[in-house]
Amino acid sequence: LSYMLLLAGAGNLYMAYTALNSALNASFGKWVWWVDVVFSVLAALAAFLIWRHRQKFWVVVYFVFLLIPVFLFMSIKGQPFKISAMIHLFPLVLLYFALRPIWSGMKD
């Protein structure tokens, strides 16, 4: 199950890659894509730290880093932003399935 965390981190890196392409090619909303790049990379780092240290603190940090772009995308009009918000929810599903069985055994 711990490799699902690494898969979630890889998904965050992929989202950072697609956001970087969108930031470089977009004519509207470039700053939104740059925010997404930053927080996707930070979320990938937090997912790796969850896998490495097995602490609940990093789970909360990962959750915050992942939800900031989701809230940002949901607050801006335009279909590409709404689709990106939905795509950002996928790593949360992986996080849930990976951490549910081991949550009580993690360090505080």
C-alpha atoms as a PDB file:
ATOM      1  CA  LEU A   1       0.000   0.000   0.000  1.00  0.00           C
ATOM      2  CA  SER A   2       2.875   2.378   0.581  1.00  0.00           C
ATOM      3  CA  TYR A   3       3.631   2.386  -3.128  1.00  0.00           C
ATOM      4  CA  MET A   4       0.218   3.959  -3.719  1.00  0.00           C
ATOM      5  CA  LEU A   5       1.634   6.984  -1.915  1.00  0.00           C
ATOM      6  CA  LEU A   6       4.503   7.088  -4.389  1.00  0.00           C
ATOM      7  CA  LEU A   7       1.984   6.724  -7.205  1.00  0.00           C
ATOM      8  CA  ALA A   8       0.069   9.706  -5.798  1.00  0.00           C
ATOM      9  CA  GLY A   9       3.344  11.673  -5.724  1.00  0.00           C
ATOM     10  CA  ALA A  10       4.043  10.698  -9.323  1.00  0.00           C
ATOM     11  CA  GLY A  11       0.543  11.859 -10.204  1.00  0.00           C
ATOM     12  CA  ASN A  12       1.328  15.201  -8.617  1.00  0.00           C
ATOM     13  CA  LEU A  13       4.492  15.488 -10.688  1.00  0.00           C
ATOM     14  CA  TYR A  14       2.472  14.738 -13.818  1.00  0.00           C
ATOM     15  CA  MET A  15       0.001  17.454 -12.837  1.00  0.00           C
ATOM     16  CA  ALA A  16       2.921  19.835 -12.375  1.00  0.00           C
ATOM     17  CA  TYR A  17       4.180  18.927 -15.845  1.00  0.00           C
ATOM     18  CA  THR A  18       0.810  19.542 -17.494  1.00  0.00           C
ATOM     19  CA  ALA A  19       0.348  22.778 -15.549  1.00  0.00           C
ATOM     20  CA  LEU A  20       3.796  23.925 -16.678  1.00  0.00           C
ATOM     21  CA  ASN A  21       2.854  23.244 -20.303  1.00  0.00           C
ATOM     22  CA  SER A  22      -0.383  25.149 -19.805  1.00  0.00           C
ATOM     23  CA  ALA A  23       1.438  28.051 -18.147  1.00  0.00           C
ATOM     24  CA  LEU A  24       3.881  28.332 -21.020  1.00  0.00           C
ATOM     25  CA  ASN A  25       1.204  28.101 -23.727  1.00  0.00           C
ATOM     26  CA  ALA A  26      -1.804  29.836 -22.163  1.00  0.00           C
ATOM     27  CA  SER A  27      -2.841  33.319 -23.061  1.00  0.00           C
ATOM     28  CA  PHE A  28      -5.281  33.634 -20.148  1.00  0.00           C
ATOM     29  CA  GLY A  29      -4.761  32.681 -16.499  1.00  0.00           C
ATOM     30  CA  LYS A  30      -1.034  32.021 -16.562  1.00  0.00           C
ATOM     31  CA  TRP A  31      -0.716  32.848 -12.883  1.00  0.00           C
ATOM     32  CA  VAL A  32      -3.222  30.091 -12.022  1.00  0.00           C
ATOM     33  CA  TRP A  33      -1.147  27.485 -13.811  1.00  0.00           C
ATOM     34  CA  TRP A  34       2.039  28.688 -12.084  1.00  0.00           C
ATOM     35  CA  VAL A  35       0.325  28.345  -8.697  1.00  0.00           C
ATOM     36  CA  ASP A  36      -0.663  24.834  -9.728  1.00  0.00           C
ATOM     37  CA  VAL A  37       2.920  23.995 -10.699  1.00  0.00           C
ATOM     38  CA  VAL A  38       4.263  25.114  -7.331  1.00  0.00           C
ATOM     39  CA  PHE A  39       1.659  23.360  -5.213  1.00  0.00           C
ATOM     40  CA  SER A  40       1.773  20.159  -7.291  1.00  0.00           C
ATOM     41  CA  VAL A  41       5.529  19.893  -6.768  1.00  0.00           C
ATOM     42  CA  LEU A  42       5.114  20.617  -3.060  1.00  0.00           C
ATOM     43  CA  ALA A  43       2.377  17.966  -2.830  1.00  0.00           C
ATOM     44  CA  ALA A  44       4.639  15.428  -4.546  1.00  0.00           C
ATOM     45  CA  LEU A  45       7.363  16.213  -2.017  1.00  0.00           C
ATOM     46  CA  ALA A  46       4.878  15.838   0.846  1.00  0.00           C
ATOM     47  CA  ALA A  47       3.706  12.465  -0.543  1.00  0.00           C
ATOM     48  CA  PHE A  48       7.305  11.273  -0.587  1.00  0.00           C
ATOM     49  CA  LEU A  49       7.765  12.459   3.001  1.00  0.00           C
ATOM     50  CA  ILE A  50       4.622  10.596   4.059  1.00  0.00           C
ATOM     51  CA  TRP A  51       6.065   7.453   2.535  1.00  0.00           C
ATOM     52  CA  ARG A  52       9.459   8.035   4.122  1.00  0.00           C
ATOM     53  CA  HIS A  53       8.560   9.218   7.641  1.00  0.00           C
ATOM     54  CA  ARG A  54       5.037   7.821   8.155  1.00  0.00           C
ATOM     55  CA  GLN A  55       3.864  10.843  10.155  1.00  0.00           C
ATOM     56  CA  LYS A  56       0.339  12.243  10.300  1.00  0.00           C
ATOM     57  CA  PHE A  57       1.745  15.779  10.056  1.00  0.00           C
ATOM     58  CA  TRP A  58       2.861  15.175   6.459  1.00  0.00           C
ATOM     59  CA  VAL A  59      -0.577  13.838   5.582  1.00  0.00           C
ATOM     60  CA  VAL A  60      -2.120  17.139   6.676  1.00  0.00           C
ATOM     61  CA  VAL A  61       0.545  19.083   4.751  1.00  0.00           C
ATOM     62  CA  TYR A  62      -0.131  16.994   1.624  1.00  0.00           C
ATOM     63  CA  PHE A  63      -3.861  17.550   1.986  1.00  0.00           C
ATOM     64  CA  VAL A  64      -3.413  21.337   2.237  1.00  0.00           C
ATOM     65  CA  PHE A  65      -0.989  21.489  -0.713  1.00  0.00           C
ATOM     66  CA  LEU A  66      -3.412  19.508  -2.836  1.00  0.00           C
ATOM     67  CA  LEU A  67      -6.556  21.403  -1.896  1.00  0.00           C
ATOM     68  CA  ILE A  68      -5.228  24.913  -2.544  1.00  0.00           C
ATOM     69  CA  PRO A  69      -5.143  24.409  -6.345  1.00  0.00           C
ATOM     70  CA  VAL A  70      -8.524  22.634  -6.226  1.00  0.00           C
ATOM     71  CA  PHE A  71     -10.137  25.604  -4.488  1.00  0.00           C
ATOM     72  CA  LEU A  72      -8.406  27.987  -6.868  1.00  0.00           C
ATOM     73  CA  PHE A  73      -9.564  26.083  -9.956  1.00  0.00           C
ATOM     74  CA  MET A  74     -13.119  25.802  -8.684  1.00  0.00           C
ATOM     75  CA  SER A  75     -13.326  29.541  -8.082  1.00  0.00           C
ATOM     76  CA  ILE A  76     -12.296  30.532 -11.626  1.00  0.00           C
ATOM     77  CA  LYS A  77     -14.656  30.355 -14.582  1.00  0.00           C
ATOM     78  CA  GLY A  78     -13.728  28.169 -17.510  1.00  0.00           C
ATOM     79  CA  GLN A  79     -14.005  24.497 -18.338  1.00  0.00           C
ATOM     80  CA  PRO A  80     -10.246  23.707 -18.347  1.00  0.00           C
ATOM     81  CA  PHE A  81     -10.004  24.930 -14.757  1.00  0.00           C
ATOM     82  CA  LYS A  82     -12.950  22.801 -13.603  1.00  0.00           C
ATOM     83  CA  ILE A  83     -11.524  19.696 -15.263  1.00  0.00           C
ATOM     84  CA  SER A  84      -8.159  20.327 -13.615  1.00  0.00           C
ATOM     85  CA  ALA A  85      -9.874  20.620 -10.243  1.00  0.00           C
ATOM     86  CA  MET A  86     -11.459  17.200 -10.719  1.00  0.00           C
ATOM     87  CA  ILE A  87      -8.148  15.672 -11.814  1.00  0.00           C
ATOM     88  CA  HIS A  88      -6.489  16.985  -8.660  1.00  0.00           C
ATOM     89  CA  LEU A  89      -8.886  14.953  -6.533  1.00  0.00           C
ATOM     90  CA  PHE A  90      -7.553  11.615  -7.843  1.00  0.00           C
ATOM     91  CA  PRO A  91      -4.424  11.541  -5.623  1.00  0.00           C
ATOM     92  CA  LEU A  92      -6.666  12.082  -2.589  1.00  0.00           C
ATOM     93  CA  VAL A  93      -8.415   8.809  -3.397  1.00  0.00           C
ATOM     94  CA  LEU A  94      -5.066   7.011  -3.535  1.00  0.00           C
ATOM     95  CA  LEU A  95      -4.075   8.642  -0.255  1.00  0.00           C
ATOM     96  CA  TYR A  96      -7.281   7.473   1.389  1.00  0.00           C
ATOM     97  CA  PHE A  97      -6.864   3.848   0.316  1.00  0.00           C
ATOM     98  CA  ALA A  98      -3.185   3.803   1.259  1.00  0.00           C
ATOM     99  CA  LEU A  99      -3.570   5.392   4.686  1.00  0.00           C
ATOM    100  CA  ARG A 100      -6.863   4.002   5.939  1.00  0.00           C
ATOM    101  CA  PRO A 101      -5.419   0.625   7.057  1.00  0.00           C
ATOM    102  CA  ILE A 102      -2.304   2.126   8.660  1.00  0.00           C
ATOM    103  CA  TRP A 103      -3.596   5.441  10.066  1.00  0.00           C
ATOM    104  CA  SER A 104      -3.663   4.274  13.697  1.00  0.00           C
ATOM    105  CA  GLY A 105      -0.072   3.030  13.462  1.00  0.00           C
ATOM    106  CA  MET A 106       1.351   6.297  12.142  1.00  0.00           C
ATOM    107  CA  LYS A 107       3.332   8.686  14.322  1.00  0.00           C
ATOM    108  CA  ASP A 108       1.672  11.897  15.432  1.00  0.00           C
END
